[in-house]
Amino acid sequence: MSVEKRPAFEPPAVLLERETPPPQMRRPIATSFGAVLVVLRALAGVVWLIALALEWDRVVTEDLDIELEPGTDETAASAVILTVVLIIGAVILLAVLAMALLVYRGSNWARITVMVFATISITVAAIDYFSDDAEITLRTTLITLSLDILVLLALSSHNARAYARRPRPRRSGG
């Protein structure tokens, strides 16, 4: 029994063709693994938010150059800024978790959206690294960067794409 290998390079027209997998196709491991990686990426975001909250005083005094008007309570202003940052971060992380669920259920637009944001994250980390502004270390970006790369590899696989683009039976409205 010979298995036909896919070529290393496929013309764009072949990639754009819609496969016709069966509507009851089983969820591929790549899709499940990709969804788990997105959840792990969200957990890494939670760890980052906790670390930011714990190091907030140092971040404000050393890293940020925030100038407040005279007479403004710096501690209160700093607490408000931290609260806003944490709320925005929590909303983003909830959106990431929702995307993980949608990817797991086979949503093609969610799969593509996750891959686009992973690509943007990888690109920003590369630009920061090559412009000598940031280091890629285990403590800073190595874990999130590796998770983004693994998400791209898992969700861009042939099986994950076929599963997300499979025809689904129409629900009867009634």
C-alpha atoms as a PDB file:
ATOM      1  CA  MET A   1       0.000   0.000   0.000  1.00  0.00           C
ATOM      2  CA  SER A   2       1.622   3.219  -1.115  1.00  0.00           C
ATOM      3  CA  VAL A   3       0.819   6.551   0.451  1.00  0.00           C
ATOM      4  CA  GLU A   4       0.964   9.526  -1.863  1.00  0.00           C
ATOM      5  CA  LYS A   5       3.040  12.315  -0.358  1.00  0.00           C
ATOM      6  CA  ARG A   6       2.121  15.917  -0.802  1.00  0.00           C
ATOM      7  CA  PRO A   7       4.669  18.001  -2.703  1.00  0.00           C
ATOM      8  CA  ALA A   8       6.779  20.491  -0.788  1.00  0.00           C
ATOM      9  CA  PHE A   9       5.376  23.312  -2.925  1.00  0.00           C
ATOM     10  CA  GLU A  10       1.783  23.560  -3.999  1.00  0.00           C
ATOM     11  CA  PRO A  11       0.498  26.110  -6.491  1.00  0.00           C
ATOM     12  CA  PRO A  12      -1.816  28.740  -4.940  1.00  0.00           C
ATOM     13  CA  ALA A  13      -4.741  27.526  -7.062  1.00  0.00           C
ATOM     14  CA  VAL A  14      -4.533  24.097  -5.419  1.00  0.00           C
ATOM     15  CA  LEU A  15      -4.449  25.653  -1.950  1.00  0.00           C
ATOM     16  CA  LEU A  16      -7.582  27.687  -2.673  1.00  0.00           C
ATOM     17  CA  GLU A  17      -9.596  24.710  -3.870  1.00  0.00           C
ATOM     18  CA  ARG A  18     -12.196  23.577  -1.394  1.00  0.00           C
ATOM     19  CA  GLU A  19     -11.705  20.028  -0.313  1.00  0.00           C
ATOM     20  CA  THR A  20     -14.799  17.914  -0.010  1.00  0.00           C
ATOM     21  CA  PRO A  21     -14.284  16.006   3.226  1.00  0.00           C
ATOM     22  CA  PRO A  22     -17.268  14.226   4.664  1.00  0.00           C
ATOM     23  CA  PRO A  23     -19.548  16.473   6.764  1.00  0.00           C
ATOM     24  CA  GLN A  24     -19.129  14.129   9.733  1.00  0.00           C
ATOM     25  CA  MET A  25     -15.325  14.328   9.616  1.00  0.00           C
ATOM     26  CA  ARG A  26     -13.640  13.604  12.959  1.00  0.00           C
ATOM     27  CA  ARG A  27     -11.819  16.477  14.622  1.00  0.00           C
ATOM     28  CA  PRO A  28      -8.134  16.216  13.688  1.00  0.00           C
ATOM     29  CA  ILE A  29      -5.477  16.156  16.376  1.00  0.00           C
ATOM     30  CA  ALA A  30      -3.969  19.333  14.900  1.00  0.00           C
ATOM     31  CA  THR A  31      -7.186  21.261  15.575  1.00  0.00           C
ATOM     32  CA  SER A  32      -7.455  19.978  19.151  1.00  0.00           C
ATOM     33  CA  PHE A  33      -3.766  20.669  19.780  1.00  0.00           C
ATOM     34  CA  GLY A  34      -4.110  24.148  18.278  1.00  0.00           C
ATOM     35  CA  ALA A  35      -7.041  24.940  20.578  1.00  0.00           C
ATOM     36  CA  VAL A  36      -5.079  23.684  23.607  1.00  0.00           C
ATOM     37  CA  LEU A  37      -2.137  25.869  22.580  1.00  0.00           C
ATOM     38  CA  VAL A  38      -4.424  28.913  22.341  1.00  0.00           C
ATOM     39  CA  VAL A  39      -5.652  28.170  25.891  1.00  0.00           C
ATOM     40  CA  LEU A  40      -2.017  27.877  27.036  1.00  0.00           C
ATOM     41  CA  ARG A  41      -1.324  31.223  25.339  1.00  0.00           C
ATOM     42  CA  ALA A  42      -4.184  32.720  27.350  1.00  0.00           C
ATOM     43  CA  LEU A  43      -2.745  31.221  30.551  1.00  0.00           C
ATOM     44  CA  ALA A  44       0.601  32.793  29.687  1.00  0.00           C
ATOM     45  CA  GLY A  45      -1.275  36.087  29.396  1.00  0.00           C
ATOM     46  CA  VAL A  46      -2.753  35.575  32.869  1.00  0.00           C
ATOM     47  CA  VAL A  47       0.743  34.963  34.262  1.00  0.00           C
ATOM     48  CA  TRP A  48       1.955  38.119  32.507  1.00  0.00           C
ATOM     49  CA  LEU A  49      -0.885  40.193  33.991  1.00  0.00           C
ATOM     50  CA  ILE A  50      -0.160  38.855  37.472  1.00  0.00           C
ATOM     51  CA  ALA A  51       3.540  39.637  37.074  1.00  0.00           C
ATOM     52  CA  LEU A  52       2.670  43.130  35.859  1.00  0.00           C
ATOM     53  CA  ALA A  53       0.424  43.738  38.868  1.00  0.00           C
ATOM     54  CA  LEU A  54       3.137  42.518  41.264  1.00  0.00           C
ATOM     55  CA  GLU A  55       5.850  44.624  39.604  1.00  0.00           C
ATOM     56  CA  TRP A  56       3.617  47.649  38.914  1.00  0.00           C
ATOM     57  CA  ASP A  57       5.402  50.056  41.273  1.00  0.00           C
ATOM     58  CA  ARG A  58       8.762  49.311  39.637  1.00  0.00           C
ATOM     59  CA  VAL A  59       7.254  49.565  36.147  1.00  0.00           C
ATOM     60  CA  VAL A  60       5.766  52.975  36.906  1.00  0.00           C
ATOM     61  CA  THR A  61       8.903  54.380  38.535  1.00  0.00           C
ATOM     62  CA  GLU A  62      11.569  52.899  36.241  1.00  0.00           C
ATOM     63  CA  ASP A  63      10.042  51.982  32.889  1.00  0.00           C
ATOM     64  CA  LEU A  64       7.217  54.440  32.345  1.00  0.00           C
ATOM     65  CA  ASP A  65       7.743  58.170  32.274  1.00  0.00           C
ATOM     66  CA  ILE A  66       4.330  59.287  33.472  1.00  0.00           C
ATOM     67  CA  GLU A  67       4.069  62.921  34.427  1.00  0.00           C
ATOM     68  CA  LEU A  68       1.072  63.903  36.494  1.00  0.00           C
ATOM     69  CA  GLU A  69      -0.246  67.401  37.128  1.00  0.00           C
ATOM     70  CA  PRO A  70       0.877  68.977  40.383  1.00  0.00           C
ATOM     71  CA  GLY A  71      -1.416  68.104  43.266  1.00  0.00           C
ATOM     72  CA  THR A  72      -2.456  64.761  41.739  1.00  0.00           C
ATOM     73  CA  ASP A  73      -2.228  61.765  44.049  1.00  0.00           C
ATOM     74  CA  GLU A  74       0.330  59.604  42.262  1.00  0.00           C
ATOM     75  CA  THR A  75      -0.657  56.431  44.092  1.00  0.00           C
ATOM     76  CA  ALA A  76      -4.331  56.787  43.190  1.00  0.00           C
ATOM     77  CA  ALA A  77      -3.543  57.613  39.561  1.00  0.00           C
ATOM     78  CA  SER A  78      -1.183  54.656  39.367  1.00  0.00           C
ATOM     79  CA  ALA A  79      -3.845  52.342  40.816  1.00  0.00           C
ATOM     80  CA  VAL A  80      -6.420  53.574  38.286  1.00  0.00           C
ATOM     81  CA  ILE A  81      -4.027  52.995  35.392  1.00  0.00           C
ATOM     82  CA  LEU A  82      -3.204  49.502  36.674  1.00  0.00           C
ATOM     83  CA  THR A  83      -6.904  48.691  37.051  1.00  0.00           C
ATOM     84  CA  VAL A  84      -7.642  49.817  33.497  1.00  0.00           C
ATOM     85  CA  VAL A  85      -4.728  47.790  32.127  1.00  0.00           C
ATOM     86  CA  LEU A  86      -5.834  44.690  34.052  1.00  0.00           C
ATOM     87  CA  ILE A  87      -9.460  45.025  32.906  1.00  0.00           C
ATOM     88  CA  ILE A  88      -8.442  45.457  29.256  1.00  0.00           C
ATOM     89  CA  GLY A  89      -6.073  42.497  29.595  1.00  0.00           C
ATOM     90  CA  ALA A  90      -8.816  40.337  31.128  1.00  0.00           C
ATOM     91  CA  VAL A  91     -11.223  41.203  28.308  1.00  0.00           C
ATOM     92  CA  ILE A  92      -8.580  40.318  25.716  1.00  0.00           C
ATOM     93  CA  LEU A  93      -7.858  37.019  27.467  1.00  0.00           C
ATOM     94  CA  LEU A  94     -11.573  36.152  27.541  1.00  0.00           C
ATOM     95  CA  ALA A  95     -11.690  36.840  23.791  1.00  0.00           C
ATOM     96  CA  VAL A  96      -8.678  34.552  23.310  1.00  0.00           C
ATOM     97  CA  LEU A  97     -10.425  31.790  25.257  1.00  0.00           C
ATOM     98  CA  ALA A  98     -13.551  32.256  23.145  1.00  0.00           C
ATOM     99  CA  MET A  99     -11.419  31.936  20.021  1.00  0.00           C
ATOM    100  CA  ALA A 100      -9.911  28.711  21.403  1.00  0.00           C
ATOM    101  CA  LEU A 101     -13.404  27.284  21.830  1.00  0.00           C
ATOM    102  CA  LEU A 102     -14.396  28.345  18.317  1.00  0.00           C
ATOM    103  CA  VAL A 103     -11.223  26.824  16.866  1.00  0.00           C
ATOM    104  CA  TYR A 104     -11.945  23.582  18.712  1.00  0.00           C
ATOM    105  CA  ARG A 105     -15.470  23.527  17.293  1.00  0.00           C
ATOM    106  CA  GLY A 106     -14.095  23.993  13.775  1.00  0.00           C
ATOM    107  CA  SER A 107     -14.668  27.661  12.980  1.00  0.00           C
ATOM    108  CA  ASN A 108     -12.572  28.642   9.973  1.00  0.00           C
ATOM    109  CA  TRP A 109     -12.717  32.401  10.608  1.00  0.00           C
ATOM    110  CA  ALA A 110     -11.560  31.852  14.220  1.00  0.00           C
ATOM    111  CA  ARG A 111      -8.716  29.613  13.015  1.00  0.00           C
ATOM    112  CA  ILE A 112      -7.576  32.267  10.552  1.00  0.00           C
ATOM    113  CA  THR A 113      -7.948  35.078  13.113  1.00  0.00           C
ATOM    114  CA  VAL A 114      -5.848  33.183  15.657  1.00  0.00           C
ATOM    115  CA  MET A 115      -3.181  32.530  13.010  1.00  0.00           C
ATOM    116  CA  VAL A 116      -3.129  36.221  11.991  1.00  0.00           C
ATOM    117  CA  PHE A 117      -2.661  37.377  15.588  1.00  0.00           C
ATOM    118  CA  ALA A 118       0.023  34.733  16.168  1.00  0.00           C
ATOM    119  CA  THR A 119       1.811  35.981  13.051  1.00  0.00           C
ATOM    120  CA  ILE A 120       1.593  39.582  14.264  1.00  0.00           C
ATOM    121  CA  SER A 121       2.915  38.563  17.690  1.00  0.00           C
ATOM    122  CA  ILE A 122       5.853  36.681  16.159  1.00  0.00           C
ATOM    123  CA  THR A 123       6.627  39.600  13.837  1.00  0.00           C
ATOM    124  CA  VAL A 124       6.567  42.145  16.666  1.00  0.00           C
ATOM    125  CA  ALA A 125       8.881  39.953  18.767  1.00  0.00           C
ATOM    126  CA  ALA A 126      11.272  39.617  15.810  1.00  0.00           C
ATOM    127  CA  ILE A 127      11.269  43.364  15.130  1.00  0.00           C
ATOM    128  CA  ASP A 128      11.918  44.082  18.819  1.00  0.00           C
ATOM    129  CA  TYR A 129      14.754  41.575  18.887  1.00  0.00           C
ATOM    130  CA  PHE A 130      16.444  42.711  15.675  1.00  0.00           C
ATOM    131  CA  SER A 131      16.163  46.385  16.566  1.00  0.00           C
ATOM    132  CA  ASP A 132      18.032  45.630  19.821  1.00  0.00           C
ATOM    133  CA  ASP A 133      15.133  46.899  21.938  1.00  0.00           C
ATOM    134  CA  ALA A 134      14.264  43.604  23.586  1.00  0.00           C
ATOM    135  CA  GLU A 135      15.820  40.288  24.398  1.00  0.00           C
ATOM    136  CA  ILE A 136      14.081  36.972  23.891  1.00  0.00           C
ATOM    137  CA  THR A 137      14.482  35.189  27.180  1.00  0.00           C
ATOM    138  CA  LEU A 138      12.558  32.528  29.047  1.00  0.00           C
ATOM    139  CA  ARG A 139      11.389  35.160  31.512  1.00  0.00           C
ATOM    140  CA  THR A 140      10.119  37.583  28.868  1.00  0.00           C
ATOM    141  CA  THR A 141       8.940  36.281  25.498  1.00  0.00           C
ATOM    142  CA  LEU A 142      10.334  32.839  24.758  1.00  0.00           C
ATOM    143  CA  ILE A 143       7.321  30.900  26.051  1.00  0.00           C
ATOM    144  CA  THR A 144       4.714  33.071  24.317  1.00  0.00           C
ATOM    145  CA  LEU A 145       6.770  33.162  21.146  1.00  0.00           C
ATOM    146  CA  SER A 146       7.111  29.387  21.047  1.00  0.00           C
ATOM    147  CA  LEU A 147       3.381  28.966  21.733  1.00  0.00           C
ATOM    148  CA  ASP A 148       2.580  31.315  18.842  1.00  0.00           C
ATOM    149  CA  ILE A 149       4.828  29.347  16.507  1.00  0.00           C
ATOM    150  CA  LEU A 150       3.253  26.057  17.565  1.00  0.00           C
ATOM    151  CA  VAL A 151      -0.248  27.535  17.090  1.00  0.00           C
ATOM    152  CA  LEU A 152       0.701  28.522  13.543  1.00  0.00           C
ATOM    153  CA  LEU A 153       2.069  25.076  12.787  1.00  0.00           C
ATOM    154  CA  ALA A 154      -0.941  23.240  14.219  1.00  0.00           C
ATOM    155  CA  LEU A 155      -3.707  25.396  12.756  1.00  0.00           C
ATOM    156  CA  SER A 156      -2.133  25.769   9.324  1.00  0.00           C
ATOM    157  CA  SER A 157      -1.958  22.023   8.802  1.00  0.00           C
ATOM    158  CA  HIS A 158      -3.845  20.411   5.955  1.00  0.00           C
ATOM    159  CA  ASN A 159      -6.122  18.454   8.312  1.00  0.00           C
ATOM    160  CA  ALA A 160      -7.005  21.499  10.435  1.00  0.00           C
ATOM    161  CA  ARG A 161      -7.837  23.492   7.319  1.00  0.00           C
ATOM    162  CA  ALA A 162      -9.954  20.688   5.871  1.00  0.00           C
ATOM    163  CA  TYR A 163     -11.832  20.281   9.150  1.00  0.00           C
ATOM    164  CA  ALA A 164     -12.543  24.004   9.455  1.00  0.00           C
ATOM    165  CA  ARG A 165     -13.662  24.263   5.831  1.00  0.00           C
ATOM    166  CA  ARG A 166     -15.787  21.104   5.776  1.00  0.00           C
ATOM    167  CA  PRO A 167     -19.405  21.407   4.656  1.00  0.00           C
ATOM    168  CA  ARG A 168     -21.819  21.415   7.544  1.00  0.00           C
ATOM    169  CA  PRO A 169     -25.410  20.274   7.435  1.00  0.00           C
ATOM    170  CA  ARG A 170     -27.880  23.141   7.419  1.00  0.00           C
ATOM    171  CA  ARG A 171     -30.064  23.553  10.465  1.00  0.00           C
ATOM    172  CA  SER A 172     -33.727  23.785   9.700  1.00  0.00           C
ATOM    173  CA  GLY A 173     -35.301  26.929  11.115  1.00  0.00           C
ATOM    174  CA  GLY A 174     -38.583  26.255  12.704  1.00  0.00           C
END
